[in-house]
Amino acid sequence: ELWRYLGSLDLIERVTFNMASVQDPLPWALADRRCRELKSGED
């Protein structure tokens, strides 16, 4: 639901988040999973 909200913000084209889980459910909940791009991992 937080991602649904972030995706509805006017004028915004990209959202960055640097603390996602390694088992992030978001790509599996997207109509187009390619919207989510994995950039890096961190301990």
All heavy atoms as atom14 arrays in JSON, in Angstrom:
{
  "sequence": "ELWRYLGSLDLIERVTFNMASVQDPLPWALADRRCRELKSGED",
  "atom14_mask": [
    [1, 1, 1, 1, 1, 1, 1, 1, 1, 0, 0, 0, 0, 0],
    [1, 1, 1, 1, 1, 1, 1, 1, 0, 0, 0, 0, 0, 0],
    [1, 1, 1, 1, 1, 1, 1, 1, 1, 1, 1, 1, 1, 1],
    [1, 1, 1, 1, 1, 1, 1, 1, 1, 1, 1, 0, 0, 0],
    [1, 1, 1, 1, 1, 1, 1, 1, 1, 1, 1, 1, 0, 0],
    [1, 1, 1, 1, 1, 1, 1, 1, 0, 0, 0, 0, 0, 0],
    [1, 1, 1, 1, 0, 0, 0, 0, 0, 0, 0, 0, 0, 0],
    [1, 1, 1, 1, 1, 1, 0, 0, 0, 0, 0, 0, 0, 0],
    [1, 1, 1, 1, 1, 1, 1, 1, 0, 0, 0, 0, 0, 0],
    [1, 1, 1, 1, 1, 1, 1, 1, 0, 0, 0, 0, 0, 0],
    [1, 1, 1, 1, 1, 1, 1, 1, 0, 0, 0, 0, 0, 0],
    [1, 1, 1, 1, 1, 1, 1, 1, 0, 0, 0, 0, 0, 0],
    [1, 1, 1, 1, 1, 1, 1, 1, 1, 0, 0, 0, 0, 0],
    [1, 1, 1, 1, 1, 1, 1, 1, 1, 1, 1, 0, 0, 0],
    [1, 1, 1, 1, 1, 1, 1, 0, 0, 0, 0, 0, 0, 0],
    [1, 1, 1, 1, 1, 1, 1, 0, 0, 0, 0, 0, 0, 0],
    [1, 1, 1, 1, 1, 1, 1, 1, 1, 1, 1, 0, 0, 0],
    [1, 1, 1, 1, 1, 1, 1, 1, 0, 0, 0, 0, 0, 0],
    [1, 1, 1, 1, 1, 1, 1, 1, 0, 0, 0, 0, 0, 0],
    [1, 1, 1, 1, 1, 0, 0, 0, 0, 0, 0, 0, 0, 0],
    [1, 1, 1, 1, 1, 1, 0, 0, 0, 0, 0, 0, 0, 0],
    [1, 1, 1, 1, 1, 1, 1, 0, 0, 0, 0, 0, 0, 0],
    [1, 1, 1, 1, 1, 1, 1, 1, 1, 0, 0, 0, 0, 0],
    [1, 1, 1, 1, 1, 1, 1, 1, 0, 0, 0, 0, 0, 0],
    [1, 1, 1, 1, 1, 1, 1, 0, 0, 0, 0, 0, 0, 0],
    [1, 1, 1, 1, 1, 1, 1, 1, 0, 0, 0, 0, 0, 0],
    [1, 1, 1, 1, 1, 1, 1, 0, 0, 0, 0, 0, 0, 0],
    [1, 1, 1, 1, 1, 1, 1, 1, 1, 1, 1, 1, 1, 1],
    [1, 1, 1, 1, 1, 0, 0, 0, 0, 0, 0, 0, 0, 0],
    [1, 1, 1, 1, 1, 1, 1, 1, 0, 0, 0, 0, 0, 0],
    [1, 1, 1, 1, 1, 0, 0, 0, 0, 0, 0, 0, 0, 0],
    [1, 1, 1, 1, 1, 1, 1, 1, 0, 0, 0, 0, 0, 0],
    [1, 1, 1, 1, 1, 1, 1, 1, 1, 1, 1, 0, 0, 0],
    [1, 1, 1, 1, 1, 1, 1, 1, 1, 1, 1, 0, 0, 0],
    [1, 1, 1, 1, 1, 1, 0, 0, 0, 0, 0, 0, 0, 0],
    [1, 1, 1, 1, 1, 1, 1, 1, 1, 1, 1, 0, 0, 0],
    [1, 1, 1, 1, 1, 1, 1, 1, 1, 0, 0, 0, 0, 0],
    [1, 1, 1, 1, 1, 1, 1, 1, 0, 0, 0, 0, 0, 0],
    [1, 1, 1, 1, 1, 1, 1, 1, 1, 0, 0, 0, 0, 0],
    [1, 1, 1, 1, 1, 1, 0, 0, 0, 0, 0, 0, 0, 0],
    [1, 1, 1, 1, 0, 0, 0, 0, 0, 0, 0, 0, 0, 0],
    [1, 1, 1, 1, 1, 1, 1, 1, 1, 0, 0, 0, 0, 0],
    [1, 1, 1, 1, 1, 1, 1, 1, 0, 0, 0, 0, 0, 0]
  ],
  "atom14_positions": [
    [[0.83, -1.21, 0.0], [0.0, 0.0, 0.0], [0.87, 1.26, 0.0], [0.5, 2.27, -0.63], [-0.94, 0.0, 1.2], [-2.06, -1.01, 1.13], [-2.88, -0.87, -0.14], [-3.39, 0.24, -0.41], [-2.99, -1.86, -0.89], [0.0, 0.0, 0.0], [0.0, 0.0, 0.0], [0.0, 0.0, 0.0], [0.0, 0.0, 0.0], [0.0, 0.0, 0.0]],
    [[2.01, 1.21, 0.67], [2.91, 2.36, 0.63], [3.43, 2.59, -0.78], [3.53, 3.74, -1.24], [4.08, 2.15, 1.6], [3.74, 2.06, 3.08], [5.02, 1.86, 3.9], [2.99, 3.29, 3.56], [0.0, 0.0, 0.0], [0.0, 0.0, 0.0], [0.0, 0.0, 0.0], [0.0, 0.0, 0.0], [0.0, 0.0, 0.0], [0.0, 0.0, 0.0]],
    [[3.73, 1.52, -1.49], [4.2, 1.66, -2.87], [3.07, 2.11, -3.8], [3.31, 2.87, -4.75], [4.81, 0.35, -3.37], [6.23, 0.22, -2.92], [6.71, -0.58, -1.93], [7.34, 0.97, -3.41], [8.06, -0.38, -1.78], [8.48, 0.56, -2.68], [7.5, 1.95, -4.4], [9.75, 1.08, -2.91], [8.77, 2.47, -4.62], [9.88, 2.05, -3.88]],
    [[1.86, 1.69, -3.51], [0.73, 2.19, -4.31], [0.61, 3.71, -4.15], [0.36, 4.43, -5.12], [-0.57, 1.5, -3.87], [-1.73, 1.63, -4.87], [-3.05, 1.16, -4.28], [-2.96, -0.14, -3.65], [-3.09, -1.3, -4.28], [-3.3, -1.32, -5.59], [-3.04, -2.44, -3.62], [0.0, 0.0, 0.0], [0.0, 0.0, 0.0], [0.0, 0.0, 0.0]],
    [[0.81, 4.17, -2.92], [0.78, 5.61, -2.66], [1.93, 6.33, -3.36], [1.72, 7.35, -4.04], [0.84, 5.86, -1.15], [1.08, 7.3, -0.78], [0.05, 8.23, -0.83], [2.35, 7.74, -0.4], [0.27, 9.56, -0.5], [2.59, 9.06, -0.07], [1.55, 9.97, -0.13], [1.78, 11.29, 0.19], [0.0, 0.0, 0.0], [0.0, 0.0, 0.0]],
    [[3.14, 5.83, -3.21], [4.3, 6.47, -3.84], [4.14, 6.54, -5.35], [4.54, 7.51, -5.99], [5.58, 5.72, -3.48], [6.03, 5.81, -2.01], [7.12, 4.79, -1.72], [6.51, 7.22, -1.68], [0.0, 0.0, 0.0], [0.0, 0.0, 0.0], [0.0, 0.0, 0.0], [0.0, 0.0, 0.0], [0.0, 0.0, 0.0], [0.0, 0.0, 0.0]],
    [[3.54, 5.51, -5.93], [3.34, 5.5, -7.37], [2.26, 6.45, -7.84], [2.15, 6.7, -9.06], [0.0, 0.0, 0.0], [0.0, 0.0, 0.0], [0.0, 0.0, 0.0], [0.0, 0.0, 0.0], [0.0, 0.0, 0.0], [0.0, 0.0, 0.0], [0.0, 0.0, 0.0], [0.0, 0.0, 0.0], [0.0, 0.0, 0.0], [0.0, 0.0, 0.0]],
    [[1.49, 7.0, -6.91], [0.41, 7.92, -7.29], [0.8, 9.39, -7.15], [-0.01, 10.28, -7.48], [-0.82, 7.65, -6.41], [-0.6, 8.09, -5.07], [0.0, 0.0, 0.0], [0.0, 0.0, 0.0], [0.0, 0.0, 0.0], [0.0, 0.0, 0.0], [0.0, 0.0, 0.0], [0.0, 0.0, 0.0], [0.0, 0.0, 0.0], [0.0, 0.0, 0.0]],
    [[2.02, 9.68, -6.69], [2.43, 11.07, -6.49], [2.55, 11.8, -7.83], [3.22, 11.33, -8.75], [3.77, 11.12, -5.75], [3.77, 10.55, -4.32], [5.19, 10.51, -3.77], [2.86, 11.37, -3.41], [0.0, 0.0, 0.0], [0.0, 0.0, 0.0], [0.0, 0.0, 0.0], [0.0, 0.0, 0.0], [0.0, 0.0, 0.0], [0.0, 0.0, 0.0]],
    [[1.92, 12.95, -7.93], [1.94, 13.72, -9.18], [3.35, 14.18, -9.52], [4.16, 14.49, -8.64], [1.04, 14.96, -9.05], [-0.44, 14.61, -9.12], [-0.75, 13.51, -9.61], [-1.25, 15.44, -8.68], [0.0, 0.0, 0.0], [0.0, 0.0, 0.0], [0.0, 0.0, 0.0], [0.0, 0.0, 0.0], [0.0, 0.0, 0.0], [0.0, 0.0, 0.0]],
    [[3.63, 14.21, -10.8], [4.86, 14.76, -11.39], [6.09, 13.9, -11.17], [7.15, 14.19, -11.73], [5.13, 16.18, -10.86], [3.97, 17.18, -10.98], [4.36, 18.51, -10.34], [3.57, 17.38, -12.43], [0.0, 0.0, 0.0], [0.0, 0.0, 0.0], [0.0, 0.0, 0.0], [0.0, 0.0, 0.0], [0.0, 0.0, 0.0], [0.0, 0.0, 0.0]],
    [[5.99, 12.87, -10.37], [7.14, 12.03, -10.04], [7.28, 10.91, -11.06], [6.31, 10.26, -11.44], [7.01, 11.45, -8.62], [6.95, 12.59, -7.6], [8.17, 10.51, -8.32], [8.13, 13.52, -7.64], [0.0, 0.0, 0.0], [0.0, 0.0, 0.0], [0.0, 0.0, 0.0], [0.0, 0.0, 0.0], [0.0, 0.0, 0.0], [0.0, 0.0, 0.0]],
    [[8.52, 10.69, -11.5], [8.8, 9.65, -12.49], [9.56, 8.46, -11.91], [9.5, 7.35, -12.45], [9.62, 10.24, -13.64], [8.88, 11.36, -14.37], [9.77, 12.1, -15.34], [10.86, 12.55, -14.93], [9.38, 12.21, -16.51], [0.0, 0.0, 0.0], [0.0, 0.0, 0.0], [0.0, 0.0, 0.0], [0.0, 0.0, 0.0], [0.0, 0.0, 0.0]],
    [[10.27, 8.68, -10.82], [11.07, 7.62, -10.24], [11.09, 7.75, -8.72], [11.1, 8.86, -8.19], [12.51, 7.68, -10.78], [13.43, 6.59, -10.22], [14.8, 6.64, -10.89], [15.48, 7.9, -10.61], [16.65, 8.24, -11.15], [17.24, 7.43, -12.02], [17.22, 9.39, -10.84], [0.0, 0.0, 0.0], [0.0, 0.0, 0.0], [0.0, 0.0, 0.0]],
    [[11.07, 6.61, -8.03], [11.18, 6.56, -6.57], [12.38, 5.68, -6.23], [12.53, 4.58, -6.78], [9.91, 5.99, -5.93], [10.1, 5.86, -4.41], [8.7, 6.87, -6.23], [0.0, 0.0, 0.0], [0.0, 0.0, 0.0], [0.0, 0.0, 0.0], [0.0, 0.0, 0.0], [0.0, 0.0, 0.0], [0.0, 0.0, 0.0], [0.0, 0.0, 0.0]],
    [[13.25, 6.17, -5.36], [14.41, 5.39, -4.94], [14.26, 4.99, -3.48], [13.75, 5.76, -2.65], [15.72, 6.18, -5.11], [15.69, 7.35, -4.26], [15.9, 6.6, -6.56], [0.0, 0.0, 0.0], [0.0, 0.0, 0.0], [0.0, 0.0, 0.0], [0.0, 0.0, 0.0], [0.0, 0.0, 0.0], [0.0, 0.0, 0.0], [0.0, 0.0, 0.0]],
    [[14.7, 3.77, -3.16], [14.62, 3.24, -1.81], [15.84, 2.35, -1.59], [16.05, 1.4, -2.34], [13.33, 2.44, -1.64], [13.14, 1.8, -0.29], [13.48, 2.46, 0.88], [12.6, 0.51, -0.19], [13.3, 1.87, 2.12], [12.42, -0.09, 1.05], [12.76, 0.59, 2.2], [0.0, 0.0, 0.0], [0.0, 0.0, 0.0], [0.0, 0.0, 0.0]],
    [[16.65, 2.66, -0.58], [17.91, 1.94, -0.41], [17.92, 0.95, 0.74], [18.98, 0.48, 1.15], [19.08, 2.93, -0.24], [18.95, 3.77, 1.03], [18.03, 3.59, 1.82], [19.88, 4.68, 1.21], [0.0, 0.0, 0.0], [0.0, 0.0, 0.0], [0.0, 0.0, 0.0], [0.0, 0.0, 0.0], [0.0, 0.0, 0.0], [0.0, 0.0, 0.0]],
    [[16.71, 0.6, 1.25], [16.65, -0.36, 2.36], [15.61, -1.45, 2.1], [14.96, -1.94, 3.02], [16.32, 0.37, 3.66], [17.41, 1.28, 4.17], [18.85, 0.37, 4.81], [18.21, -0.23, 6.35], [0.0, 0.0, 0.0], [0.0, 0.0, 0.0], [0.0, 0.0, 0.0], [0.0, 0.0, 0.0], [0.0, 0.0, 0.0], [0.0, 0.0, 0.0]],
    [[15.45, -1.85, 0.86], [14.48, -2.91, 0.54], [15.01, -4.26, 0.99], [16.21, -4.51, 1.01], [14.19, -2.93, -0.96], [0.0, 0.0, 0.0], [0.0, 0.0, 0.0], [0.0, 0.0, 0.0], [0.0, 0.0, 0.0], [0.0, 0.0, 0.0], [0.0, 0.0, 0.0], [0.0, 0.0, 0.0], [0.0, 0.0, 0.0], [0.0, 0.0, 0.0]],
    [[14.08, -5.15, 1.29], [14.45, -6.5, 1.7], [15.02, -7.28, 0.52], [14.65, -7.04, -0.64], [13.21, -7.22, 2.23], [13.44, -8.6, 2.37], [0.0, 0.0, 0.0], [0.0, 0.0, 0.0], [0.0, 0.0, 0.0], [0.0, 0.0, 0.0], [0.0, 0.0, 0.0], [0.0, 0.0, 0.0], [0.0, 0.0, 0.0], [0.0, 0.0, 0.0]],
    [[15.91, -8.23, 0.81], [16.4, -9.11, -0.24], [15.3, -10.04, -0.74], [15.43, -10.66, -1.79], [17.62, -9.93, 0.23], [18.79, -9.02, 0.53], [17.27, -10.79, 1.44], [0.0, 0.0, 0.0], [0.0, 0.0, 0.0], [0.0, 0.0, 0.0], [0.0, 0.0, 0.0], [0.0, 0.0, 0.0], [0.0, 0.0, 0.0], [0.0, 0.0, 0.0]],
    [[14.21, -10.13, 0.01], [13.02, -10.88, -0.4], [11.85, -9.94, -0.65], [10.72, -10.22, -0.3], [12.65, -11.93, 0.66], [13.66, -13.06, 0.78], [13.29, -14.05, 1.87], [13.06, -13.68, 3.01], [13.24, -15.33, 1.5], [0.0, 0.0, 0.0], [0.0, 0.0, 0.0], [0.0, 0.0, 0.0], [0.0, 0.0, 0.0], [0.0, 0.0, 0.0]],
    [[12.14, -8.84, -1.3], [11.15, -7.8, -1.57], [9.98, -8.36, -2.38], [10.16, -8.86, -3.5], [11.84, -6.67, -2.35], [10.96, -5.45, -2.52], [9.83, -5.44, -2.0], [11.43, -4.49, -3.18], [0.0, 0.0, 0.0], [0.0, 0.0, 0.0], [0.0, 0.0, 0.0], [0.0, 0.0, 0.0], [0.0, 0.0, 0.0], [0.0, 0.0, 0.0]],
    [[8.74, -8.24, -1.88], [7.59, -8.72, -2.65], [7.14, -7.78, -3.76], [6.33, -8.17, -4.61], [6.49, -8.85, -1.59], [6.83, -7.82, -0.57], [8.35, -7.78, -0.52], [0.0, 0.0, 0.0], [0.0, 0.0, 0.0], [0.0, 0.0, 0.0], [0.0, 0.0, 0.0], [0.0, 0.0, 0.0], [0.0, 0.0, 0.0], [0.0, 0.0, 0.0]],
    [[7.68, -6.55, -3.8], [7.17, -5.56, -4.75], [7.2, -6.03, -6.2], [6.18, -5.9, -6.9], [7.93, -4.24, -4.6], [7.52, -3.14, -5.57], [6.05, -2.75, -5.38], [8.42, -1.92, -5.44], [0.0, 0.0, 0.0], [0.0, 0.0, 0.0], [0.0, 0.0, 0.0], [0.0, 0.0, 0.0], [0.0, 0.0, 0.0], [0.0, 0.0, 0.0]],
    [[8.3, -6.56, -6.73], [8.28, -6.92, -8.15], [7.21, -7.94, -8.5], [6.68, -7.95, -9.61], [9.69, -7.46, -8.41], [10.23, -7.82, -7.08], [9.61, -6.85, -6.12], [0.0, 0.0, 0.0], [0.0, 0.0, 0.0], [0.0, 0.0, 0.0], [0.0, 0.0, 0.0], [0.0, 0.0, 0.0], [0.0, 0.0, 0.0], [0.0, 0.0, 0.0]],
    [[6.87, -8.8, -7.54], [5.86, -9.82, -7.79], [4.45, -9.25, -7.74], [3.5, -9.91, -8.17], [6.01, -10.95, -6.76], [7.37, -11.57, -6.82], [8.43, -11.29, -6.02], [7.83, -12.53, -7.77], [9.54, -12.03, -6.39], [9.18, -12.81, -7.47], [7.23, -13.2, -8.85], [9.95, -13.71, -8.19], [7.99, -14.1, -9.57], [9.33, -14.35, -9.24]],
    [[4.31, -8.04, -7.22], [2.99, -7.41, -7.13], [2.77, -6.36, -8.21], [1.72, -5.72, -8.26], [2.83, -6.75, -5.75], [0.0, 0.0, 0.0], [0.0, 0.0, 0.0], [0.0, 0.0, 0.0], [0.0, 0.0, 0.0], [0.0, 0.0, 0.0], [0.0, 0.0, 0.0], [0.0, 0.0, 0.0], [0.0, 0.0, 0.0], [0.0, 0.0, 0.0]],
    [[3.75, -6.16, -9.11], [3.64, -5.15, -10.15], [3.09, -5.75, -11.45], [3.41, -6.89, -11.81], [5.0, -4.53, -10.43], [5.63, -3.7, -9.3], [7.01, -3.22, -9.7], [4.73, -2.54, -8.91], [0.0, 0.0, 0.0], [0.0, 0.0, 0.0], [0.0, 0.0, 0.0], [0.0, 0.0, 0.0], [0.0, 0.0, 0.0], [0.0, 0.0, 0.0]],
    [[2.29, -4.96, -12.13], [1.8, -5.39, -13.44], [2.97, -5.57, -14.41], [2.95, -6.45, -15.27], [0.8, -4.37, -13.98], [0.0, 0.0, 0.0], [0.0, 0.0, 0.0], [0.0, 0.0, 0.0], [0.0, 0.0, 0.0], [0.0, 0.0, 0.0], [0.0, 0.0, 0.0], [0.0, 0.0, 0.0], [0.0, 0.0, 0.0], [0.0, 0.0, 0.0]],
    [[3.99, -4.72, -14.25], [5.21, -4.83, -15.05], [6.39, -4.8, -14.08], [6.8, -3.74, -13.61], [5.3, -3.67, -16.04], [6.53, -3.75, -16.94], [7.39, -4.61, -16.69], [6.64, -2.93, -17.87], [0.0, 0.0, 0.0], [0.0, 0.0, 0.0], [0.0, 0.0, 0.0], [0.0, 0.0, 0.0], [0.0, 0.0, 0.0], [0.0, 0.0, 0.0]],
    [[6.93, -5.98, -13.77], [7.99, -6.06, -12.77], [9.25, -5.33, -13.2], [10.13, -5.04, -12.37], [8.3, -7.51, -12.43], [8.83, -8.35, -13.57], [9.2, -9.76, -13.11], [10.32, -9.76, -12.19], [10.3, -10.31, -10.98], [9.2, -10.88, -10.53], [11.38, -10.28, -10.22], [0.0, 0.0, 0.0], [0.0, 0.0, 0.0], [0.0, 0.0, 0.0]],
    [[9.38, -5.01, -14.49], [10.56, -4.29, -14.95], [10.56, -2.83, -14.51], [11.54, -2.12, -14.71], [10.67, -4.38, -16.46], [10.92, -5.81, -16.95], [11.07, -5.87, -18.45], [11.26, -7.25, -18.91], [11.42, -7.6, -20.17], [11.41, -6.65, -21.12], [11.57, -8.86, -20.51], [0.0, 0.0, 0.0], [0.0, 0.0, 0.0], [0.0, 0.0, 0.0]],
    [[9.46, -2.4, -13.9], [9.44, -1.05, -13.32], [10.44, -0.94, -12.18], [10.95, 0.15, -11.9], [8.05, -0.71, -12.79], [6.8, -0.43, -14.06], [0.0, 0.0, 0.0], [0.0, 0.0, 0.0], [0.0, 0.0, 0.0], [0.0, 0.0, 0.0], [0.0, 0.0, 0.0], [0.0, 0.0, 0.0], [0.0, 0.0, 0.0], [0.0, 0.0, 0.0]],
    [[10.71, -2.04, -11.51], [11.61, -2.04, -10.36], [12.98, -2.52, -10.82], [13.14, -3.62, -11.32], [11.08, -2.97, -9.27], [12.01, -3.11, -8.05], [11.49, -4.24, -7.17], [12.31, -4.49, -6.01], [13.38, -5.28, -5.99], [13.79, -5.87, -7.11], [14.05, -5.48, -4.87], [0.0, 0.0, 0.0], [0.0, 0.0, 0.0], [0.0, 0.0, 0.0]],
    [[13.98, -1.66, -10.6], [15.35, -1.99, -11.0], [16.22, -2.13, -9.76], [16.27, -1.22, -8.92], [15.92, -0.91, -11.91], [17.31, -1.23, -12.43], [17.84, -0.14, -13.36], [17.08, 0.8, -13.68], [19.02, -0.25, -13.75], [0.0, 0.0, 0.0], [0.0, 0.0, 0.0], [0.0, 0.0, 0.0], [0.0, 0.0, 0.0], [0.0, 0.0, 0.0]],
    [[16.88, -3.26, -9.64], [17.8, -3.5, -8.54], [19.13, -2.82, -8.83], [19.76, -3.09, -9.84], [18.0, -5.01, -8.35], [18.95, -5.45, -7.24], [18.42, -5.05, -5.88], [19.15, -6.96, -7.31], [0.0, 0.0, 0.0], [0.0, 0.0, 0.0], [0.0, 0.0, 0.0], [0.0, 0.0, 0.0], [0.0, 0.0, 0.0], [0.0, 0.0, 0.0]],
    [[19.56, -1.93, -7.93], [20.77, -1.16, -8.18], [21.99, -1.71, -7.45], [23.09, -1.73, -7.99], [20.56, 0.31, -7.78], [19.37, 0.98, -8.45], [19.49, 0.96, -9.96], [20.58, 1.85, -10.48], [20.61, 1.93, -11.95], [0.0, 0.0, 0.0], [0.0, 0.0, 0.0], [0.0, 0.0, 0.0], [0.0, 0.0, 0.0], [0.0, 0.0, 0.0]],
    [[21.81, -2.13, -6.2], [22.98, -2.6, -5.43], [22.5, -3.32, -4.18], [21.32, -3.27, -3.82], [23.89, -1.42, -5.03], [23.21, -0.54, -4.16], [0.0, 0.0, 0.0], [0.0, 0.0, 0.0], [0.0, 0.0, 0.0], [0.0, 0.0, 0.0], [0.0, 0.0, 0.0], [0.0, 0.0, 0.0], [0.0, 0.0, 0.0], [0.0, 0.0, 0.0]],
    [[23.43, -4.0, -3.53], [23.16, -4.63, -2.25], [24.08, -4.07, -1.19], [25.17, -3.56, -1.49], [0.0, 0.0, 0.0], [0.0, 0.0, 0.0], [0.0, 0.0, 0.0], [0.0, 0.0, 0.0], [0.0, 0.0, 0.0], [0.0, 0.0, 0.0], [0.0, 0.0, 0.0], [0.0, 0.0, 0.0], [0.0, 0.0, 0.0], [0.0, 0.0, 0.0]],
    [[23.66, -4.16, 0.06], [24.45, -3.59, 1.15], [24.31, -4.45, 2.4], [23.21, -4.92, 2.71], [23.99, -2.17, 1.46], [24.75, -1.49, 2.59], [24.19, -0.13, 2.96], [23.13, 0.23, 2.44], [24.81, 0.54, 3.79], [0.0, 0.0, 0.0], [0.0, 0.0, 0.0], [0.0, 0.0, 0.0], [0.0, 0.0, 0.0], [0.0, 0.0, 0.0]],
    [[25.42, -4.66, 3.1], [25.32, -5.28, 4.41], [24.84, -4.23, 5.41], [25.16, -3.05, 5.29], [26.67, -5.85, 4.84], [27.78, -4.8, 4.83], [27.86, -4.0, 5.78], [28.57, -4.78, 3.85], [0.0, 0.0, 0.0], [0.0, 0.0, 0.0], [0.0, 0.0, 0.0], [0.0, 0.0, 0.0], [0.0, 0.0, 0.0], [0.0, 0.0, 0.0]]
  ]
}
